[in-house]
Amino acid sequence: MPHITVLCFSGASLCVRACGALAKCSLRYKKTLLALDFCDVFSARLTSEIAPALDAFVPAFLKLPSLELIRLSKNAFGLTREINLLVRKGPVELPHLNILYLEDNTIGSEGQTHMALADAVACWPKLEISDLNDSLLCAKGAALLIVALKASCG
């Protein structure tokens, strides 16, 4: 399977160990992998498992320069900073990413995720869609995102 372009585990319940194995596997397809779908993989997990699971595979995502789509919807990220690494380093490490689905997650001010997301939206080279539908976005985060979107639209 040397030419895998999409990894989809939507709806699977992934533990920390599984995320580590998937991260290692995804790096084998560094040149061909265009899309990752990890929608609803943590909603059935313990809250304490989410951060270590993301720590296991988000750094691997950042080593996949051909990625065009990442779907992390419905994962109950909560008011923590687990997703910060992706949105903070994504604009540089994932220059071809044009679709980022984060809908139905909580993106709060704890952990500064809202600021990292606003910064990412303002400078991500090809990002066209950042779906935050049904996400709980704090008032400060919404204001920062609006300013970033205005700046990126010219």
N, C-alpha and C. Protein backbone atom coordinates (compact mmCIF):
# COMPACT_ATOMS: atom_id res chain seq x y z
N MET A 1 0.83 -1.20 0.00
CA MET A 1 0.00 0.00 0.00
C MET A 1 0.87 1.26 0.00
N PRO A 2 1.75 1.42 -0.97
CA PRO A 2 2.67 2.56 -0.95
C PRO A 2 2.04 3.90 -1.33
N HIS A 3 0.81 3.90 -1.82
CA HIS A 3 0.23 5.15 -2.31
C HIS A 3 -1.03 5.55 -1.57
N ILE A 4 -1.10 5.30 -0.28
CA ILE A 4 -2.27 5.68 0.51
C ILE A 4 -2.35 7.20 0.53
N THR A 5 -3.53 7.73 0.24
CA THR A 5 -3.72 9.18 0.24
C THR A 5 -4.64 9.64 1.36
N VAL A 6 -5.46 8.74 1.93
CA VAL A 6 -6.42 9.10 2.97
C VAL A 6 -6.36 8.07 4.10
N LEU A 7 -6.26 8.55 5.35
CA LEU A 7 -6.43 7.70 6.52
C LEU A 7 -7.69 8.16 7.21
N CYS A 8 -8.66 7.26 7.36
CA CYS A 8 -9.95 7.60 7.97
C CYS A 8 -10.24 6.65 9.12
N PHE A 9 -10.33 7.20 10.31
CA PHE A 9 -10.69 6.43 11.49
C PHE A 9 -11.90 7.06 12.18
N SER A 10 -12.69 7.76 11.44
CA SER A 10 -13.87 8.45 11.95
C SER A 10 -14.77 7.49 12.73
N GLY A 11 -15.09 7.87 13.96
CA GLY A 11 -15.99 7.08 14.78
C GLY A 11 -15.31 5.98 15.59
N ALA A 12 -14.06 5.68 15.30
CA ALA A 12 -13.34 4.67 16.08
C ALA A 12 -12.98 5.27 17.44
N SER A 13 -12.88 4.46 18.45
CA SER A 13 -12.48 4.93 19.77
C SER A 13 -11.00 4.60 19.95
N LEU A 14 -10.15 5.62 19.89
CA LEU A 14 -8.71 5.41 19.89
C LEU A 14 -8.07 5.72 21.24
N CYS A 15 -7.36 4.74 21.78
CA CYS A 15 -6.62 4.94 23.02
C CYS A 15 -5.26 5.57 22.69
N VAL A 16 -4.52 5.92 23.71
CA VAL A 16 -3.22 6.56 23.53
C VAL A 16 -2.28 5.67 22.72
N ARG A 17 -2.25 4.40 23.04
CA ARG A 17 -1.36 3.46 22.34
C ARG A 17 -1.71 3.37 20.86
N ALA A 18 -2.99 3.32 20.55
CA ALA A 18 -3.43 3.27 19.15
C ALA A 18 -3.01 4.53 18.41
N CYS A 19 -3.11 5.68 19.07
CA CYS A 19 -2.71 6.94 18.43
C CYS A 19 -1.22 6.95 18.12
N GLY A 20 -0.42 6.41 19.03
CA GLY A 20 1.01 6.31 18.78
C GLY A 20 1.32 5.42 17.58
N ALA A 21 0.62 4.30 17.49
CA ALA A 21 0.82 3.38 16.36
C ALA A 21 0.37 4.02 15.05
N LEU A 22 -0.74 4.74 15.08
CA LEU A 22 -1.23 5.42 13.87
C LEU A 22 -0.28 6.53 13.43
N ALA A 23 0.30 7.22 14.40
CA ALA A 23 1.27 8.27 14.07
C ALA A 23 2.46 7.66 13.33
N LYS A 24 2.97 6.57 13.84
CA LYS A 24 4.10 5.89 13.21
C LYS A 24 3.72 5.41 11.81
N CYS A 25 2.54 4.86 11.67
CA CYS A 25 2.05 4.36 10.38
C CYS A 25 1.90 5.50 9.38
N SER A 26 1.35 6.63 9.81
CA SER A 26 1.10 7.74 8.89
C SER A 26 2.40 8.29 8.30
N LEU A 27 3.49 8.22 9.06
CA LEU A 27 4.76 8.74 8.57
C LEU A 27 5.32 7.91 7.41
N ARG A 28 4.86 6.68 7.26
CA ARG A 28 5.28 5.86 6.13
C ARG A 28 4.76 6.42 4.81
N TYR A 29 3.69 7.19 4.89
CA TYR A 29 3.04 7.72 3.69
C TYR A 29 3.22 9.23 3.59
N LYS A 30 4.35 9.69 4.10
CA LYS A 30 4.67 11.11 4.18
C LYS A 30 4.48 11.85 2.85
N LYS A 31 4.84 11.21 1.76
CA LYS A 31 4.79 11.89 0.46
C LYS A 31 3.42 11.79 -0.22
N THR A 32 2.59 10.83 0.18
CA THR A 32 1.32 10.62 -0.53
C THR A 32 0.09 10.99 0.27
N LEU A 33 0.18 11.06 1.59
CA LEU A 33 -0.99 11.27 2.44
C LEU A 33 -1.53 12.69 2.29
N LEU A 34 -2.78 12.79 1.84
CA LEU A 34 -3.43 14.08 1.59
C LEU A 34 -4.49 14.42 2.63
N ALA A 35 -5.08 13.40 3.27
CA ALA A 35 -6.19 13.66 4.19
C ALA A 35 -6.16 12.73 5.38
N LEU A 36 -6.45 13.29 6.56
CA LEU A 36 -6.59 12.53 7.80
C LEU A 36 -7.97 12.81 8.37
N ASP A 37 -8.71 11.77 8.68
CA ASP A 37 -10.03 11.93 9.28
C ASP A 37 -10.05 11.21 10.62
N PHE A 38 -9.95 11.99 11.68
CA PHE A 38 -10.01 11.48 13.04
C PHE A 38 -11.20 12.09 13.77
N CYS A 39 -12.31 12.18 13.07
CA CYS A 39 -13.56 12.71 13.61
C CYS A 39 -14.12 11.73 14.64
N ASP A 40 -14.51 12.23 15.80
CA ASP A 40 -15.20 11.44 16.81
C ASP A 40 -14.39 10.23 17.29
N VAL A 41 -13.09 10.40 17.46
CA VAL A 41 -12.28 9.29 17.95
C VAL A 41 -12.02 9.37 19.46
N PHE A 42 -12.32 10.52 20.08
CA PHE A 42 -12.08 10.68 21.51
C PHE A 42 -13.34 10.86 22.34
N SER A 43 -14.48 11.04 21.74
CA SER A 43 -15.68 11.36 22.52
C SER A 43 -16.07 10.23 23.47
N ALA A 44 -15.67 9.01 23.20
CA ALA A 44 -15.98 7.89 24.10
C ALA A 44 -14.82 7.58 25.05
N ARG A 45 -13.75 8.35 24.98
CA ARG A 45 -12.58 8.10 25.82
C ARG A 45 -12.66 8.94 27.09
N LEU A 46 -11.85 8.60 28.08
CA LEU A 46 -11.76 9.40 29.29
C LEU A 46 -11.10 10.73 28.95
N THR A 47 -11.53 11.78 29.61
CA THR A 47 -10.95 13.10 29.36
C THR A 47 -9.44 13.08 29.57
N SER A 48 -8.98 12.32 30.54
CA SER A 48 -7.54 12.26 30.83
C SER A 48 -6.73 11.60 29.72
N GLU A 49 -7.39 10.90 28.79
CA GLU A 49 -6.68 10.24 27.69
C GLU A 49 -6.48 11.15 26.48
N ILE A 50 -7.26 12.21 26.38
CA ILE A 50 -7.25 13.02 25.16
C ILE A 50 -5.90 13.71 24.93
N ALA A 51 -5.38 14.39 25.95
CA ALA A 51 -4.11 15.11 25.78
C ALA A 51 -2.96 14.17 25.40
N PRO A 52 -2.76 13.04 26.10
CA PRO A 52 -1.67 12.15 25.70
C PRO A 52 -1.89 11.54 24.31
N ALA A 53 -3.12 11.29 23.95
CA ALA A 53 -3.41 10.74 22.61
C ALA A 53 -3.05 11.76 21.53
N LEU A 54 -3.44 13.02 21.74
CA LEU A 54 -3.08 14.06 20.77
C LEU A 54 -1.57 14.30 20.75
N ASP A 55 -0.95 14.23 21.92
CA ASP A 55 0.51 14.37 21.98
C ASP A 55 1.19 13.26 21.18
N ALA A 56 0.54 12.12 21.07
CA ALA A 56 1.11 10.99 20.33
C ALA A 56 1.04 11.20 18.82
N PHE A 57 -0.06 11.83 18.32
CA PHE A 57 -0.12 11.93 16.87
C PHE A 57 -0.10 13.31 16.24
N VAL A 58 -0.32 14.36 16.96
CA VAL A 58 -0.24 15.69 16.34
C VAL A 58 1.18 16.00 15.85
N PRO A 59 2.25 15.68 16.60
CA PRO A 59 3.58 15.92 16.04
C PRO A 59 3.82 15.16 14.73
N ALA A 60 3.24 13.99 14.59
CA ALA A 60 3.37 13.24 13.33
C ALA A 60 2.63 13.94 12.20
N PHE A 61 1.44 14.50 12.50
CA PHE A 61 0.69 15.25 11.48
C PHE A 61 1.57 16.35 10.89
N LEU A 62 2.34 17.00 11.76
CA LEU A 62 3.15 18.13 11.34
C LEU A 62 4.33 17.72 10.45
N LYS A 63 4.56 16.43 10.32
CA LYS A 63 5.63 15.93 9.45
C LYS A 63 5.08 15.41 8.13
N LEU A 64 3.83 15.75 7.83
CA LEU A 64 3.18 15.30 6.60
C LEU A 64 2.89 16.52 5.72
N PRO A 65 3.90 17.03 5.03
CA PRO A 65 3.78 18.30 4.32
C PRO A 65 2.77 18.31 3.17
N SER A 66 2.34 17.14 2.70
CA SER A 66 1.38 17.10 1.59
C SER A 66 -0.07 17.17 2.04
N LEU A 67 -0.31 17.13 3.35
CA LEU A 67 -1.69 17.13 3.86
C LEU A 67 -2.47 18.33 3.36
N GLU A 68 -3.67 18.07 2.88
CA GLU A 68 -4.58 19.12 2.43
C GLU A 68 -5.81 19.23 3.33
N LEU A 69 -6.12 18.16 4.08
CA LEU A 69 -7.32 18.15 4.91
C LEU A 69 -7.04 17.40 6.21
N ILE A 70 -7.45 18.01 7.32
CA ILE A 70 -7.44 17.35 8.62
C ILE A 70 -8.82 17.54 9.23
N ARG A 71 -9.41 16.43 9.67
CA ARG A 71 -10.73 16.48 10.30
C ARG A 71 -10.59 15.95 11.73
N LEU A 72 -10.80 16.85 12.69
CA LEU A 72 -10.74 16.51 14.12
C LEU A 72 -12.05 16.88 14.81
N SER A 73 -13.14 16.78 14.10
CA SER A 73 -14.45 17.17 14.61
C SER A 73 -14.94 16.22 15.70
N LYS A 74 -15.83 16.74 16.54
CA LYS A 74 -16.56 15.95 17.55
C LYS A 74 -15.64 15.17 18.47
N ASN A 75 -14.59 15.82 18.95
CA ASN A 75 -13.63 15.10 19.78
C ASN A 75 -13.58 15.53 21.24
N ALA A 76 -14.45 16.41 21.66
CA ALA A 76 -14.52 16.79 23.06
C ALA A 76 -13.18 17.26 23.60
N PHE A 77 -12.48 18.10 22.83
CA PHE A 77 -11.17 18.58 23.27
C PHE A 77 -11.27 19.31 24.60
N GLY A 78 -12.34 20.03 24.81
CA GLY A 78 -12.51 20.72 26.08
C GLY A 78 -11.70 22.00 26.16
N LEU A 79 -11.63 22.52 27.36
CA LEU A 79 -10.99 23.82 27.58
C LEU A 79 -9.50 23.67 27.89
N THR A 80 -8.82 22.85 27.15
CA THR A 80 -7.39 22.64 27.39
C THR A 80 -6.59 23.00 26.15
N ARG A 81 -5.31 22.74 26.18
CA ARG A 81 -4.44 23.20 25.10
C ARG A 81 -3.98 22.09 24.15
N GLU A 82 -4.67 20.96 24.14
CA GLU A 82 -4.19 19.83 23.34
C GLU A 82 -4.02 20.16 21.86
N ILE A 83 -4.86 20.99 21.32
CA ILE A 83 -4.85 21.23 19.88
C ILE A 83 -3.93 22.40 19.50
N ASN A 84 -3.37 23.07 20.50
CA ASN A 84 -2.51 24.23 20.25
C ASN A 84 -1.35 23.95 19.31
N LEU A 85 -0.68 22.83 19.49
CA LEU A 85 0.49 22.51 18.67
C LEU A 85 0.13 22.51 17.19
N LEU A 86 -1.00 21.92 16.86
CA LEU A 86 -1.42 21.85 15.46
C LEU A 86 -1.69 23.24 14.90
N VAL A 87 -2.46 24.05 15.62
CA VAL A 87 -2.81 25.36 15.06
C VAL A 87 -1.66 26.36 15.16
N ARG A 88 -0.74 26.15 16.10
CA ARG A 88 0.40 27.05 16.23
C ARG A 88 1.47 26.77 15.17
N LYS A 89 1.76 25.50 14.92
CA LYS A 89 2.83 25.14 13.97
C LYS A 89 2.31 24.81 12.58
N GLY A 90 1.02 24.60 12.45
CA GLY A 90 0.43 24.22 11.17
C GLY A 90 0.75 25.13 10.01
N PRO A 91 0.64 26.45 10.17
CA PRO A 91 0.90 27.33 9.03
C PRO A 91 2.28 27.15 8.40
N VAL A 92 3.27 26.79 9.20
CA VAL A 92 4.62 26.60 8.67
C VAL A 92 4.84 25.16 8.21
N GLU A 93 4.40 24.21 9.03
CA GLU A 93 4.68 22.79 8.76
C GLU A 93 3.73 22.17 7.73
N LEU A 94 2.54 22.72 7.60
CA LEU A 94 1.54 22.15 6.68
C LEU A 94 1.09 23.20 5.67
N PRO A 95 1.99 23.61 4.79
CA PRO A 95 1.68 24.71 3.88
C PRO A 95 0.58 24.40 2.87
N HIS A 96 0.30 23.13 2.61
CA HIS A 96 -0.72 22.77 1.62
C HIS A 96 -2.10 22.54 2.24
N LEU A 97 -2.19 22.58 3.56
CA LEU A 97 -3.47 22.34 4.21
C LEU A 97 -4.46 23.44 3.83
N ASN A 98 -5.58 23.05 3.27
CA ASN A 98 -6.58 24.07 2.94
C ASN A 98 -7.91 23.83 3.63
N ILE A 99 -8.08 22.69 4.31
CA ILE A 99 -9.32 22.43 5.04
C ILE A 99 -8.98 21.87 6.42
N LEU A 100 -9.47 22.54 7.46
CA LEU A 100 -9.27 22.11 8.84
C LEU A 100 -10.63 22.08 9.51
N TYR A 101 -11.11 20.89 9.81
CA TYR A 101 -12.41 20.73 10.47
C TYR A 101 -12.20 20.56 11.97
N LEU A 102 -12.71 21.50 12.73
CA LEU A 102 -12.65 21.43 14.19
C LEU A 102 -14.05 21.55 14.80
N GLU A 103 -15.10 21.37 13.98
CA GLU A 103 -16.44 21.61 14.48
C GLU A 103 -16.80 20.68 15.64
N ASP A 104 -17.73 21.17 16.46
CA ASP A 104 -18.26 20.46 17.61
C ASP A 104 -17.18 20.14 18.64
N ASN A 105 -16.34 21.10 18.93
CA ASN A 105 -15.34 21.02 19.99
C ASN A 105 -15.46 22.29 20.82
N THR A 106 -14.89 22.28 22.01
CA THR A 106 -14.83 23.48 22.83
C THR A 106 -13.46 24.10 22.63
N ILE A 107 -13.45 25.36 22.23
CA ILE A 107 -12.19 26.06 22.01
C ILE A 107 -12.20 27.26 22.95
N GLY A 108 -11.58 27.09 24.09
CA GLY A 108 -11.66 28.10 25.13
C GLY A 108 -10.37 28.87 25.31
N SER A 109 -10.38 29.74 26.31
CA SER A 109 -9.22 30.59 26.55
C SER A 109 -8.16 29.89 27.39
N GLU A 110 -8.55 28.86 28.15
CA GLU A 110 -7.57 28.12 28.93
C GLU A 110 -6.65 27.41 27.95
N GLY A 111 -5.36 27.57 28.12
CA GLY A 111 -4.41 26.96 27.19
C GLY A 111 -4.17 27.81 25.96
N GLN A 112 -4.86 28.94 25.83
CA GLN A 112 -4.65 29.91 24.74
C GLN A 112 -4.98 29.36 23.35
N THR A 113 -5.82 28.32 23.26
CA THR A 113 -6.17 27.75 21.96
C THR A 113 -6.82 28.79 21.07
N HIS A 114 -7.67 29.64 21.64
CA HIS A 114 -8.36 30.65 20.83
C HIS A 114 -7.37 31.61 20.19
N MET A 115 -6.29 31.97 20.91
CA MET A 115 -5.29 32.88 20.34
C MET A 115 -4.47 32.17 19.27
N ALA A 116 -4.10 30.91 19.52
CA ALA A 116 -3.34 30.15 18.53
C ALA A 116 -4.15 29.97 17.25
N LEU A 117 -5.44 29.72 17.40
CA LEU A 117 -6.31 29.54 16.23
C LEU A 117 -6.43 30.84 15.44
N ALA A 118 -6.62 31.94 16.12
CA ALA A 118 -6.72 33.24 15.44
C ALA A 118 -5.42 33.56 14.70
N ASP A 119 -4.30 33.31 15.34
CA ASP A 119 -3.00 33.55 14.68
C ASP A 119 -2.84 32.66 13.45
N ALA A 120 -3.25 31.41 13.57
CA ALA A 120 -3.12 30.46 12.45
C ALA A 120 -3.98 30.88 11.27
N VAL A 121 -5.21 31.27 11.53
CA VAL A 121 -6.12 31.68 10.46
C VAL A 121 -5.56 32.87 9.70
N ALA A 122 -4.92 33.77 10.42
CA ALA A 122 -4.40 34.98 9.78
C ALA A 122 -3.21 34.71 8.86
N CYS A 123 -2.47 33.63 9.09
CA CYS A 123 -1.24 33.45 8.31
C CYS A 123 -1.09 32.08 7.64
N TRP A 124 -2.12 31.24 7.67
CA TRP A 124 -2.01 29.93 7.02
C TRP A 124 -2.07 30.13 5.52
N PRO A 125 -1.03 29.73 4.78
CA PRO A 125 -0.93 30.08 3.36
C PRO A 125 -2.12 29.70 2.49
N LYS A 126 -2.61 28.47 2.61
CA LYS A 126 -3.67 28.01 1.70
C LYS A 126 -4.97 27.66 2.40
N LEU A 127 -5.08 27.94 3.69
CA LEU A 127 -6.28 27.56 4.43
C LEU A 127 -7.50 28.29 3.88
N GLU A 128 -8.45 27.53 3.37
CA GLU A 128 -9.69 28.08 2.81
C GLU A 128 -10.87 27.85 3.71
N ILE A 129 -10.88 26.71 4.39
CA ILE A 129 -12.01 26.35 5.25
C ILE A 129 -11.48 25.95 6.61
N SER A 130 -11.97 26.60 7.64
CA SER A 130 -11.70 26.21 9.02
C SER A 130 -13.06 26.12 9.68
N ASP A 131 -13.64 24.95 9.68
CA ASP A 131 -15.02 24.78 10.14
C ASP A 131 -15.07 24.67 11.66
N LEU A 132 -15.71 25.63 12.28
CA LEU A 132 -15.89 25.66 13.72
C LEU A 132 -17.37 25.51 14.09
N ASN A 133 -18.18 25.04 13.17
CA ASN A 133 -19.61 24.87 13.39
C ASN A 133 -19.86 24.07 14.67
N ASP A 134 -20.81 24.50 15.45
CA ASP A 134 -21.19 23.85 16.71
C ASP A 134 -20.08 23.79 17.75
N SER A 135 -19.03 24.58 17.58
CA SER A 135 -17.97 24.62 18.58
C SER A 135 -18.30 25.70 19.61
N LEU A 136 -17.92 25.44 20.83
CA LEU A 136 -18.07 26.44 21.87
C LEU A 136 -16.81 27.29 21.82
N LEU A 137 -16.95 28.52 21.36
CA LEU A 137 -15.84 29.44 21.23
C LEU A 137 -16.09 30.59 22.20
N CYS A 138 -15.20 30.82 23.14
CA CYS A 138 -15.41 31.88 24.12
C CYS A 138 -15.50 33.24 23.43
N ALA A 139 -16.06 34.21 24.12
CA ALA A 139 -16.26 35.55 23.55
C ALA A 139 -14.93 36.17 23.11
N LYS A 140 -13.90 36.03 23.93
CA LYS A 140 -12.59 36.58 23.58
C LYS A 140 -12.05 35.88 22.33
N GLY A 141 -12.23 34.56 22.25
CA GLY A 141 -11.77 33.80 21.10
C GLY A 141 -12.49 34.21 19.83
N ALA A 142 -13.79 34.43 19.93
CA ALA A 142 -14.57 34.86 18.76
C ALA A 142 -14.09 36.22 18.28
N ALA A 143 -13.85 37.14 19.21
CA ALA A 143 -13.38 38.47 18.83
C ALA A 143 -12.02 38.40 18.15
N LEU A 144 -11.11 37.59 18.69
CA LEU A 144 -9.79 37.43 18.08
C LEU A 144 -9.89 36.82 16.69
N LEU A 145 -10.77 35.85 16.55
CA LEU A 145 -10.94 35.18 15.26
C LEU A 145 -11.51 36.13 14.21
N ILE A 146 -12.44 36.96 14.61
CA ILE A 146 -13.03 37.94 13.69
C ILE A 146 -11.96 38.92 13.20
N VAL A 147 -11.13 39.40 14.10
CA VAL A 147 -10.05 40.32 13.72
C VAL A 147 -9.08 39.62 12.76
N ALA A 148 -8.73 38.37 13.06
CA ALA A 148 -7.81 37.62 12.20
C ALA A 148 -8.41 37.38 10.82
N LEU A 149 -9.68 37.05 10.77
CA LEU A 149 -10.34 36.82 9.48
C LEU A 149 -10.40 38.10 8.65
N LYS A 150 -10.70 39.21 9.31
CA LYS A 150 -10.72 40.49 8.60
C LYS A 150 -9.35 40.81 8.02
N ALA A 151 -8.30 40.56 8.81
CA ALA A 151 -6.94 40.85 8.36
C ALA A 151 -6.54 39.95 7.19
N SER A 152 -6.95 38.69 7.23
CA SER A 152 -6.55 37.77 6.16
C SER A 152 -7.35 37.99 4.89
N CYS A 153 -8.51 38.63 5.01
CA CYS A 153 -9.34 38.90 3.83
C CYS A 153 -8.94 40.20 3.15
N GLY A 154 -8.07 40.94 3.79
CA GLY A 154 -7.56 42.15 3.17
C GLY A 154 -8.36 43.34 3.48
